[in-house]
Amino acid sequence: MAIQYSGGTIIHRTTTPSTRADLTNFMTQALSDAGWSTISGTPGSGSDVTLESAAQSAGAKIRFRFVEPGSGNCMKVTMKHPLGSTAESQAVFCLPSAGSGTWRIIANKFWFLAFATGGTNATAARGWVMGGTIHTPAFVNITSGDGLGWMHGAGSNDTDSTTKIGFRRQLRSTSSTCPFSGIYGSNLIEITSVATGSVSIASWQAGPSNNDQGYRWEDNTLPVFEPLISWGTGTSSANESKIKGQLYDAVVLNGSWSSEAVLSLDGHTWMVITDTPTANVSATNTLLVAIS
């Protein structure tokens, strides 16, 4: 496969939210402006808003619900099957003052990333949430109108303070308390600990180390890889994690950069999402997302 572009509007914004409502409004307005459809509530000014992605390559979609609960520290994000064929997912909790207190969102009509800015906040509890639907090749058995989506985040509850290791730090291993939910067809899988079915983005040549070279070309050009995302088959975290599809407007590069560095590639501008990945786990594979 090749890089899969969304072909629509890309939203890239930052804010410094003071309240749960500020953060909820920030996220829902961004998704609406990126091309997500409103199912219920009012994006940008609602306390309970459900939005639906555009139909991906096979016609499948996913819904996300953003809630300002009226009490506590955090706003909440859950994922929903567009036909109601599964239960609503577990919640990811997002703290307005997490890390630096400044949040960034990057969104297209298929998926989004929202996180507390700065590499030092890449593992901040309640400091990031991401998810949406994905591109699938023709041989994958997903049909038009079905559910296909994923959600990964850094907050398991309203007071969570545990360091979270997810795609903001490495691509192939997550912390034991980093919640993930996946919907594939009529199956919902929920994972809260490292397991066979844990979510990952495929990593390639690790390098550079004394025993693991060959991660770049002779002229130092870095290979560009498709960001293939996998999670457990069916509903059990004990099942093998298999590739479900590919992220839109995203690439994986061999190499390491600080979070939110900006690079040019294929006529687009890209932002580094994976902050200085841990070499012995995710190698030096870095996720980048197009911002223009």
Protein backbone atom coordinates (compact mmCIF):
# COMPACT_ATOMS: atom_id res chain seq x y z
CA MET A 1 0.00 0.00 0.00
CA ALA A 2 0.97 3.66 -0.10
CA ILE A 3 0.31 6.72 2.06
CA GLN A 4 -3.46 7.10 2.40
CA TYR A 5 -4.61 10.72 2.38
CA SER A 6 -7.97 11.76 3.77
CA GLY A 7 -8.60 14.13 0.88
CA GLY A 8 -10.41 16.58 3.12
CA THR A 9 -9.89 19.36 5.65
CA ILE A 10 -7.12 18.93 8.22
CA ILE A 11 -7.66 20.78 11.50
CA HIS A 12 -4.65 21.73 13.60
CA ARG A 13 -5.27 23.88 16.70
CA THR A 14 -4.09 24.52 20.24
CA THR A 15 -5.87 25.82 23.31
CA THR A 16 -5.31 26.31 27.02
CA PRO A 17 -8.57 25.05 28.57
CA SER A 18 -9.65 26.27 31.99
CA THR A 19 -12.54 23.86 32.47
CA ARG A 20 -13.88 20.47 31.42
CA ALA A 21 -16.34 22.30 29.17
CA ASP A 22 -13.52 24.19 27.45
CA LEU A 23 -11.77 20.96 26.52
CA THR A 24 -14.99 19.26 25.43
CA ASN A 25 -15.92 22.20 23.21
CA PHE A 26 -12.41 22.38 21.76
CA MET A 27 -12.44 18.74 20.68
CA THR A 28 -15.98 18.60 19.34
CA GLN A 29 -15.65 21.82 17.33
CA ALA A 30 -12.42 20.57 15.77
CA LEU A 31 -13.97 17.27 14.67
CA SER A 32 -17.03 19.01 13.29
CA ASP A 33 -14.84 21.41 11.31
CA ALA A 34 -12.80 18.46 10.02
CA GLY A 35 -15.89 16.89 8.48
CA TRP A 36 -17.39 14.65 11.17
CA SER A 37 -21.21 14.50 11.21
CA THR A 38 -23.18 15.51 14.29
CA ILE A 39 -25.38 12.72 15.66
CA SER A 40 -26.47 14.46 18.86
CA GLY A 41 -25.62 17.55 20.86
CA THR A 42 -24.00 20.75 19.64
CA PRO A 43 -20.29 20.74 18.70
CA GLY A 44 -18.41 23.59 20.32
CA SER A 45 -21.04 24.29 22.98
CA GLY A 46 -22.58 21.02 24.14
CA SER A 47 -21.99 18.97 27.28
CA ASP A 48 -22.81 15.64 25.56
CA VAL A 49 -21.93 15.46 21.87
CA THR A 50 -21.79 12.42 19.60
CA LEU A 51 -20.01 12.72 16.25
CA GLU A 52 -19.61 10.25 13.39
CA SER A 53 -16.61 9.89 11.09
CA ALA A 54 -16.79 9.90 7.35
CA ALA A 55 -17.13 6.52 5.66
CA GLN A 56 -13.71 4.94 5.16
CA SER A 57 -12.51 3.05 2.08
CA ALA A 58 -15.03 0.20 2.44
CA GLY A 59 -17.87 2.39 3.71
CA ALA A 60 -17.51 1.64 7.44
CA LYS A 61 -17.77 4.39 10.08
CA ILE A 62 -17.30 5.02 13.80
CA ARG A 63 -18.84 7.33 16.40
CA PHE A 64 -17.27 9.14 19.33
CA ARG A 65 -19.07 10.64 22.31
CA PHE A 66 -17.59 13.62 24.19
CA VAL A 67 -19.04 14.31 27.64
CA GLU A 68 -18.62 17.11 30.18
CA PRO A 69 -19.96 15.17 33.17
CA GLY A 70 -20.80 18.16 35.36
CA SER A 71 -18.49 17.11 38.19
CA GLY A 72 -15.03 15.72 38.77
CA ASN A 73 -11.74 16.69 37.15
CA CYS A 74 -12.03 15.41 33.58
CA MET A 75 -14.10 15.34 30.44
CA LYS A 76 -14.73 11.87 29.01
CA VAL A 77 -14.49 10.30 25.56
CA THR A 78 -16.12 7.02 24.52
CA MET A 79 -16.49 5.17 21.22
CA LYS A 80 -19.73 3.82 19.73
CA HIS A 81 -20.68 1.46 16.89
CA PRO A 82 -22.65 3.47 14.28
CA LEU A 83 -25.43 0.82 14.21
CA GLY A 84 -25.44 0.14 17.94
CA SER A 85 -24.18 -3.40 17.30
CA THR A 86 -21.82 -3.34 20.30
CA ALA A 87 -21.86 -1.80 23.76
CA GLU A 88 -20.44 1.69 24.20
CA SER A 89 -16.72 1.51 24.95
CA GLN A 90 -14.92 2.27 28.17
CA ALA A 91 -14.15 5.95 28.74
CA VAL A 92 -10.86 7.78 28.32
CA PHE A 93 -10.56 10.63 30.84
CA CYS A 94 -8.91 13.91 29.78
CA LEU A 95 -7.70 16.52 32.29
CA PRO A 96 -7.77 20.15 31.07
CA SER A 97 -4.68 21.02 33.12
CA ALA A 98 -2.70 17.89 32.17
CA GLY A 99 1.00 18.45 31.62
CA SER A 100 1.59 22.00 30.42
CA GLY A 101 -2.13 22.78 30.43
CA THR A 102 -2.02 23.49 26.70
CA TRP A 103 -3.74 20.98 24.41
CA ARG A 104 -3.21 20.35 20.70
CA ILE A 105 -5.65 18.64 18.34
CA ILE A 106 -5.02 17.31 14.84
CA ALA A 107 -8.12 16.00 13.08
CA ASN A 108 -9.30 14.89 9.68
CA LYS A 109 -12.66 13.40 8.70
CA PHE A 110 -11.55 9.91 9.74
CA TRP A 111 -9.59 10.26 13.01
CA PHE A 112 -8.10 12.67 15.52
CA LEU A 113 -5.35 13.13 18.11
CA ALA A 114 -5.73 15.43 21.13
CA PHE A 115 -2.90 15.76 23.63
CA ALA A 116 -1.14 17.96 26.17
CA THR A 117 1.68 19.62 24.25
CA GLY A 118 5.38 19.02 24.78
CA GLY A 119 7.53 15.91 24.86
CA THR A 120 7.69 15.93 28.66
CA ASN A 121 3.91 15.40 28.63
CA ALA A 122 3.95 12.48 26.19
CA THR A 123 3.33 10.07 29.08
CA ALA A 124 1.17 12.36 31.23
CA ALA A 125 -1.79 10.65 32.87
CA ARG A 126 -5.11 11.92 31.45
CA GLY A 127 -3.01 13.85 28.92
CA TRP A 128 -4.00 12.42 25.54
CA VAL A 129 -6.71 10.62 23.56
CA MET A 130 -6.76 9.52 19.93
CA GLY A 131 -8.86 7.40 17.64
CA GLY A 132 -11.26 7.13 14.73
CA THR A 133 -11.64 4.84 11.74
CA ILE A 134 -8.98 3.51 9.36
CA HIS A 135 -8.34 2.70 5.70
CA THR A 136 -8.72 -0.96 4.72
CA PRO A 137 -7.58 -2.69 1.52
CA ALA A 138 -10.12 -4.54 -0.63
CA PHE A 139 -9.30 -7.98 0.80
CA VAL A 140 -10.29 -7.00 4.37
CA ASN A 141 -13.76 -8.20 5.31
CA ILE A 142 -15.42 -4.94 6.35
CA THR A 143 -18.65 -3.83 4.71
CA SER A 144 -20.36 -0.52 4.07
CA GLY A 145 -22.23 0.82 7.08
CA ASP A 146 -20.45 -1.46 9.54
CA GLY A 147 -18.40 -0.37 12.54
CA LEU A 148 -14.63 0.02 12.37
CA GLY A 149 -12.76 2.13 14.88
CA TRP A 150 -10.21 2.40 17.64
CA MET A 151 -9.60 4.58 20.70
CA HIS A 152 -6.40 4.83 22.75
CA GLY A 153 -5.90 7.14 25.71
CA ALA A 154 -4.04 8.11 28.85
CA GLY A 155 -6.76 8.26 31.48
CA SER A 156 -8.47 5.23 33.03
CA ASN A 157 -10.44 7.19 35.61
CA ASP A 158 -11.07 10.72 36.85
CA THR A 159 -8.09 10.76 39.22
CA ASP A 160 -5.67 8.53 37.31
CA SER A 161 -2.03 9.48 37.99
CA THR A 162 -0.20 6.52 36.42
CA THR A 163 2.40 7.16 33.71
CA LYS A 164 0.97 6.17 30.32
CA ILE A 165 3.11 4.66 27.57
CA GLY A 166 1.24 4.73 24.26
CA PHE A 167 1.73 6.03 20.73
CA ARG A 168 2.99 9.36 22.08
CA ARG A 169 6.12 7.51 23.25
CA GLN A 170 6.37 4.19 21.39
CA LEU A 171 4.47 2.21 18.77
CA ARG A 172 4.63 -1.42 19.84
CA SER A 173 4.11 -1.57 23.59
CA THR A 174 1.70 0.17 25.94
CA SER A 175 1.67 0.65 29.69
CA SER A 176 -0.33 -1.76 31.80
CA THR A 177 -3.02 0.82 32.52
CA CYS A 178 -3.31 2.56 29.15
CA PRO A 179 -6.90 1.97 27.97
CA PHE A 180 -7.60 0.81 24.42
CA SER A 181 -10.91 -0.01 22.72
CA GLY A 182 -11.37 -1.44 19.24
CA ILE A 183 -14.50 -2.08 17.19
CA TYR A 184 -14.24 -4.41 14.21
CA GLY A 185 -17.53 -5.37 12.60
CA SER A 186 -19.77 -6.36 15.50
CA ASN A 187 -16.93 -7.07 17.96
CA LEU A 188 -15.83 -4.71 20.73
CA ILE A 189 -12.53 -5.41 22.45
CA GLU A 190 -11.46 -3.58 25.64
CA ILE A 191 -7.86 -3.74 26.85
CA THR A 192 -6.43 -2.18 30.01
CA SER A 193 -3.25 -4.22 30.46
CA VAL A 194 -0.43 -5.51 28.27
CA ALA A 195 -1.75 -8.61 26.50
CA THR A 196 -1.38 -10.66 23.34
CA GLY A 197 -4.06 -8.53 21.70
CA SER A 198 -2.60 -5.15 22.70
CA VAL A 199 -2.75 -2.37 20.14
CA SER A 200 0.35 -1.55 18.11
CA ILE A 201 1.53 0.16 14.95
CA ALA A 202 3.83 -2.03 12.88
CA SER A 203 7.52 -1.25 13.44
CA TRP A 204 10.24 -2.12 10.96
CA GLN A 205 14.03 -1.93 11.04
CA ALA A 206 15.00 -0.84 14.53
CA GLY A 207 18.49 0.75 14.28
CA PRO A 208 20.68 2.44 15.15
CA SER A 209 22.70 0.31 17.59
CA ASN A 210 25.84 -1.80 17.44
CA ASN A 211 23.81 -4.91 16.66
CA ASP A 212 20.95 -3.42 14.66
CA GLN A 213 21.91 -1.29 11.69
CA GLY A 214 20.36 -0.82 8.26
CA TYR A 215 17.62 1.63 9.19
CA ARG A 216 18.44 4.22 6.50
CA TRP A 217 19.68 4.47 2.93
CA GLU A 218 23.28 5.14 1.90
CA ASP A 219 22.56 8.87 1.45
CA ASN A 220 20.82 8.96 4.88
CA THR A 221 17.32 9.01 3.35
CA LEU A 222 14.89 7.39 5.79
CA PRO A 223 12.39 4.74 4.60
CA VAL A 224 8.73 5.73 4.79
CA PHE A 225 6.28 3.07 5.99
CA GLU A 226 2.51 2.77 6.11
CA PRO A 227 1.15 3.13 9.69
CA LEU A 228 -0.55 -0.27 9.94
CA ILE A 229 -2.52 -0.59 13.17
CA SER A 230 -3.37 -3.90 14.82
CA TRP A 231 -5.29 -5.19 17.83
CA GLY A 232 -6.73 -8.46 19.07
CA THR A 233 -9.18 -10.40 16.93
CA GLY A 234 -12.70 -10.86 18.32
CA THR A 235 -13.45 -9.72 21.87
CA SER A 236 -10.65 -11.30 23.93
CA SER A 237 -7.37 -9.59 24.78
CA ALA A 238 -5.78 -13.05 24.72
CA ASN A 239 -6.32 -13.31 20.96
CA GLU A 240 -3.58 -12.53 18.46
CA SER A 241 -3.21 -8.90 17.50
CA LYS A 242 -3.79 -8.69 13.74
CA ILE A 243 -3.52 -5.76 11.35
CA LYS A 244 -6.91 -4.10 10.91
CA GLY A 245 -5.97 -1.28 8.55
CA GLN A 246 -3.97 1.90 8.03
CA LEU A 247 -4.14 5.40 9.50
CA TYR A 248 -5.06 8.21 7.11
CA ASP A 249 -2.76 11.25 6.75
CA ALA A 250 -0.01 9.47 8.66
CA VAL A 251 3.36 7.78 8.10
CA VAL A 252 5.99 5.92 10.11
CA LEU A 253 9.64 6.90 9.68
CA ASN A 254 12.79 5.19 10.92
CA GLY A 255 14.46 7.75 13.16
CA SER A 256 13.82 9.72 16.33
CA TRP A 257 12.68 13.32 16.88
CA SER A 258 11.29 15.38 19.71
CA SER A 259 7.53 15.63 19.97
CA GLU A 260 5.86 18.13 17.66
CA ALA A 261 8.88 18.67 15.44
CA VAL A 262 7.76 19.55 11.90
CA LEU A 263 9.03 17.85 8.73
CA SER A 264 8.25 18.13 5.01
CA LEU A 265 7.40 15.02 2.98
CA ASP A 266 5.54 14.26 -0.24
CA GLY A 267 4.41 17.87 -0.63
CA HIS A 268 2.85 18.00 2.86
CA THR A 269 3.84 19.25 6.31
CA TRP A 270 3.99 16.59 9.04
CA MET A 271 4.16 16.73 12.83
CA VAL A 272 6.04 14.24 15.00
CA ILE A 273 3.68 12.48 17.42
CA THR A 274 5.97 9.85 18.97
CA ASP A 275 8.39 11.66 21.25
CA THR A 276 11.96 10.20 21.25
CA PRO A 277 10.79 6.56 21.10
CA THR A 278 12.34 4.01 23.45
CA ALA A 279 14.93 2.17 21.37
CA ASN A 280 14.65 -1.24 23.01
CA VAL A 281 10.87 -1.47 22.55
CA SER A 282 9.62 0.65 19.66
CA ALA A 283 13.04 0.91 18.07
CA THR A 284 13.44 4.33 16.48
CA ASN A 285 10.14 4.19 14.64
CA THR A 286 8.21 7.45 14.77
CA LEU A 287 4.59 8.25 13.92
CA LEU A 288 4.03 11.48 12.02
CA VAL A 289 0.68 13.02 11.08
CA ALA A 290 -0.02 15.50 8.29
CA ILE A 291 -1.00 18.99 9.46
CA SER A 292 -1.24 20.52 5.98
